C-alpha atoms as a PDB file:
ATOM      1  CA  MET A   1    -177.735-216.185 -67.963  1.00  0.00           C
ATOM      2  CA  ILE A   2    -174.563-214.425 -69.104  1.00  0.00           C
ATOM      3  CA  ARG A   3    -174.914-215.905 -72.614  1.00  0.00           C
ATOM      4  CA  LEU A   4    -178.504-214.629 -72.733  1.00  0.00           C
ATOM      5  CA  ILE A   5    -177.165-211.137 -71.994  1.00  0.00           C
ATOM      6  CA  SER A   6    -174.613-211.528 -74.805  1.00  0.00           C
ATOM      7  CA  PHE A   7    -177.355-212.647 -77.190  1.00  0.00           C
ATOM      8  CA  ALA A   8    -179.678-209.790 -76.187  1.00  0.00           C
ATOM      9  CA  ALA A   9    -176.877-207.243 -76.646  1.00  0.00           C
ATOM     10  CA  ALA A  10    -176.067-208.685 -80.091  1.00  0.00           C
ATOM     11  CA  LEU A  11    -179.734-208.472 -81.103  1.00  0.00           C
ATOM     12  CA  GLY A  12    -179.877-204.881 -79.862  1.00  0.00           C
ATOM     13  CA  ILE A  13    -176.760-203.987 -81.872  1.00  0.00           C
ATOM     14  CA  ALA A  14    -178.261-205.522 -85.023  1.00  0.00           C
ATOM     15  CA  ALA A  15    -181.611-203.780 -84.481  1.00  0.00           C
ATOM     16  CA  LEU A  16    -180.016-200.378 -83.916  1.00  0.00           C
ATOM     17  CA  LEU A  17    -177.781-200.744 -86.963  1.00  0.00           C
ATOM     18  CA  VAL A  18    -180.806-201.561 -89.137  1.00  0.00           C
ATOM     19  CA  LEU A  19    -182.747-198.611 -87.690  1.00  0.00           C
ATOM     20  CA  ILE A  20    -179.794-196.244 -88.193  1.00  0.00           C
ATOM     21  CA  VAL A  21    -179.476-197.254 -91.856  1.00  0.00           C
ATOM     22  CA  MET A  22    -183.239-196.965 -92.432  1.00  0.00           C
ATOM     23  CA  SER A  23    -183.396-193.571 -90.711  1.00  0.00           C
ATOM     24  CA  SER A  24    -180.386-192.324 -92.665  1.00  0.00           C
ATOM     25  CA  MET A  25    -182.174-193.209 -95.891  1.00  0.00           C
ATOM     26  CA  GLU A  26    -185.226-191.216 -94.773  1.00  0.00           C
ATOM     27  CA  MET A  27    -183.462-188.001 -93.682  1.00  0.00           C
ATOM     28  CA  SER A  28    -180.112-186.650 -92.582  1.00  0.00           C
ATOM     29  CA  LEU A  29    -179.009-186.843 -88.958  1.00  0.00           C
ATOM     30  CA  GLY A  30    -179.125-183.061 -88.671  1.00  0.00           C
ATOM     31  CA  ALA A  31    -182.701-182.881 -89.956  1.00  0.00           C
ATOM     32  CA  GLY A  32    -183.711-185.688 -87.620  1.00  0.00           C
ATOM     33  CA  LEU A  33    -182.185-183.955 -84.595  1.00  0.00           C
ATOM     34  CA  LEU A  34    -183.879-180.673 -85.483  1.00  0.00           C
ATOM     35  CA  ALA A  35    -187.232-182.447 -85.796  1.00  0.00           C
ATOM     36  CA  THR A  36    -186.641-184.194 -82.455  1.00  0.00           C
ATOM     37  CA  VAL A  37    -185.737-181.128 -80.400  1.00  0.00           C
ATOM     38  CA  ASP A  38    -188.565-179.125 -81.932  1.00  0.00           C
ATOM     39  CA  THR A  39    -190.975-180.473 -79.298  1.00  0.00           C
ATOM     40  CA  GLY A  40    -190.989-180.678 -75.513  1.00  0.00           C
ATOM     41  CA  TRP A  41    -191.104-184.464 -75.701  1.00  0.00           C
ATOM     42  CA  GLY A  42    -188.131-184.485 -78.045  1.00  0.00           C
ATOM     43  CA  VAL A  43    -186.077-182.397 -75.603  1.00  0.00           C
ATOM     44  CA  THR A  44    -187.205-184.615 -72.722  1.00  0.00           C
ATOM     45  CA  THR A  45    -186.150-187.695 -74.662  1.00  0.00           C
ATOM     46  CA  MET A  46    -182.710-186.226 -75.397  1.00  0.00           C
ATOM     47  CA  VAL A  47    -182.159-185.232 -71.737  1.00  0.00           C
ATOM     48  CA  ASP A  48    -183.275-188.706 -70.644  1.00  0.00           C
ATOM     49  CA  LEU A  49    -180.885-190.306 -73.129  1.00  0.00           C
ATOM     50  CA  TYR A  50    -177.867-188.273 -72.078  1.00  0.00           C
ATOM     51  CA  LEU A  51    -178.528-188.696 -68.355  1.00  0.00           C
ATOM     52  CA  GLY A  52    -178.564-192.447 -68.963  1.00  0.00           C
ATOM     53  CA  LEU A  53    -175.345-192.203 -70.946  1.00  0.00           C
ATOM     54  CA  PHE A  54    -173.652-190.417 -68.036  1.00  0.00           C
ATOM     55  CA  VAL A  55    -174.763-193.242 -65.730  1.00  0.00           C
ATOM     56  CA  MET A  56    -173.364-195.735 -68.236  1.00  0.00           C
ATOM     57  CA  THR A  57    -170.075-193.817 -68.237  1.00  0.00           C
ATOM     58  CA  GLY A  58    -169.962-194.219 -64.447  1.00  0.00           C
ATOM     59  CA  TRP A  59    -170.353-197.994 -64.784  1.00  0.00           C
ATOM     60  CA  ILE A  60    -167.638-198.104 -67.427  1.00  0.00           C
ATOM     61  CA  ALA A  61    -165.300-195.950 -65.304  1.00  0.00           C
ATOM     62  CA  HIS A  62    -165.863-198.277 -62.322  1.00  0.00           C
ATOM     63  CA  ARG A  63    -165.067-201.363 -64.382  1.00  0.00           C
ATOM     64  CA  GLU A  64    -162.216-200.106 -66.545  1.00  0.00           C
ATOM     65  CA  ARG A  65    -159.999-198.286 -64.024  1.00  0.00           C
ATOM     66  CA  SER A  66    -158.424-196.450 -66.948  1.00  0.00           C
ATOM     67  CA  ILE A  67    -159.119-192.813 -67.728  1.00  0.00           C
ATOM     68  CA  PRO A  68    -158.136-193.080 -71.431  1.00  0.00           C
ATOM     69  CA  ARG A  69    -160.349-196.155 -72.003  1.00  0.00           C
ATOM     70  CA  THR A  70    -163.225-194.547 -70.089  1.00  0.00           C
ATOM     71  CA  LEU A  71    -162.900-191.350 -72.127  1.00  0.00           C
ATOM     72  CA  ALA A  72    -162.868-193.331 -75.373  1.00  0.00           C
ATOM     73  CA  TRP A  73    -166.090-195.115 -74.373  1.00  0.00           C
ATOM     74  CA  PHE A  74    -167.594-191.762 -73.264  1.00  0.00           C
ATOM     75  CA  VAL A  75    -166.918-190.229 -76.687  1.00  0.00           C
ATOM     76  CA  GLY A  76    -168.528-193.277 -78.294  1.00  0.00           C
ATOM     77  CA  LEU A  77    -171.552-192.908 -76.031  1.00  0.00           C
ATOM     78  CA  CYS A  78    -171.940-189.218 -76.906  1.00  0.00           C
ATOM     79  CA  LEU A  79    -171.633-189.877 -80.646  1.00  0.00           C
ATOM     80  CA  LEU A  80    -173.464-193.194 -81.018  1.00  0.00           C
ATOM     81  CA  GLY A  81    -175.659-193.374 -77.911  1.00  0.00           C
ATOM     82  CA  ASN A  82    -176.879-196.760 -76.791  1.00  0.00           C
ATOM     83  CA  LEU A  83    -175.280-198.516 -79.749  1.00  0.00           C
ATOM     84  CA  THR A  84    -172.050-197.976 -77.797  1.00  0.00           C
ATOM     85  CA  THR A  85    -173.758-199.178 -74.603  1.00  0.00           C
ATOM     86  CA  LEU A  86    -174.741-202.420 -76.322  1.00  0.00           C
ATOM     87  CA  VAL A  87    -171.268-202.929 -77.805  1.00  0.00           C
ATOM     88  CA  TYR A  88    -169.699-202.438 -74.359  1.00  0.00           C
ATOM     89  CA  LEU A  89    -172.221-204.821 -72.760  1.00  0.00           C
ATOM     90  CA  PHE A  90    -171.642-207.393 -75.505  1.00  0.00           C
ATOM     91  CA  ILE A  91    -167.852-207.309 -75.074  1.00  0.00           C
ATOM     92  CA  ALA A  92    -168.106-207.348 -71.266  1.00  0.00           C
ATOM     93  CA  SER A  93    -170.563-210.251 -71.308  1.00  0.00           C
ATOM     94  CA  LEU A  94    -168.329-212.309 -73.600  1.00  0.00           C
ATOM     95  CA  ARG A  95    -165.460-211.851 -71.153  1.00  0.00           C
ATOM     96  CA  ALA A  96    -167.597-212.513 -68.058  1.00  0.00           C
ATOM     97  CA  LYS A  97    -168.123-215.926 -66.478  1.00  0.00           C
ATOM     98  CA  SER A  98    -171.179-214.758 -64.508  1.00  0.00           C
ATOM     99  CA  VAL A  99    -173.523-211.790 -64.277  1.00  0.00           C
ATOM    100  CA  ASP A 100    -171.612-210.684 -61.160  1.00  0.00           C
ATOM    101  CA  ASP A 101    -168.501-210.275 -63.325  1.00  0.00           C
ATOM    102  CA  LEU A 102    -170.282-207.474 -65.205  1.00  0.00           C
ATOM    103  CA  PHE A 103    -170.070-205.369 -62.030  1.00  0.00           C
ATOM    104  CA  ARG A 104    -166.510-206.242 -61.061  1.00  0.00           C
ATOM    105  CA  ARG A 105    -163.514-204.227 -62.075  1.00  0.00           C
ATOM    106  CA  VAL A 106    -161.687-205.404 -65.167  1.00  0.00           C
ATOM    107  CA  PRO A 107    -158.393-207.071 -64.156  1.00  0.00           C
ATOM    108  CA  ARG A 108    -155.343-205.150 -65.280  1.00  0.00           C
END
């Protein structure tokens, strides 16, 4: 099961990278953000995204036990969104021996 999680995270990373490149070719990030927050649904989507990213930061903080590492991942989450989530999950799943290990603290 843990290898399936690694595979799914890798697929998600690849898919997001392709979508980011395609979107960047269509319009700038700034123009895309302005178009997104121009509607109620766009604002709702952004709030939903960032609430989820704060939850993800909590999981990372629980696992990492290091304020500098947690802050680095938090900055990545704020700048790159769920691409960072998938990278963290991919790395964690490669190091894990079981799904339970994903919820245990990282040994020092």
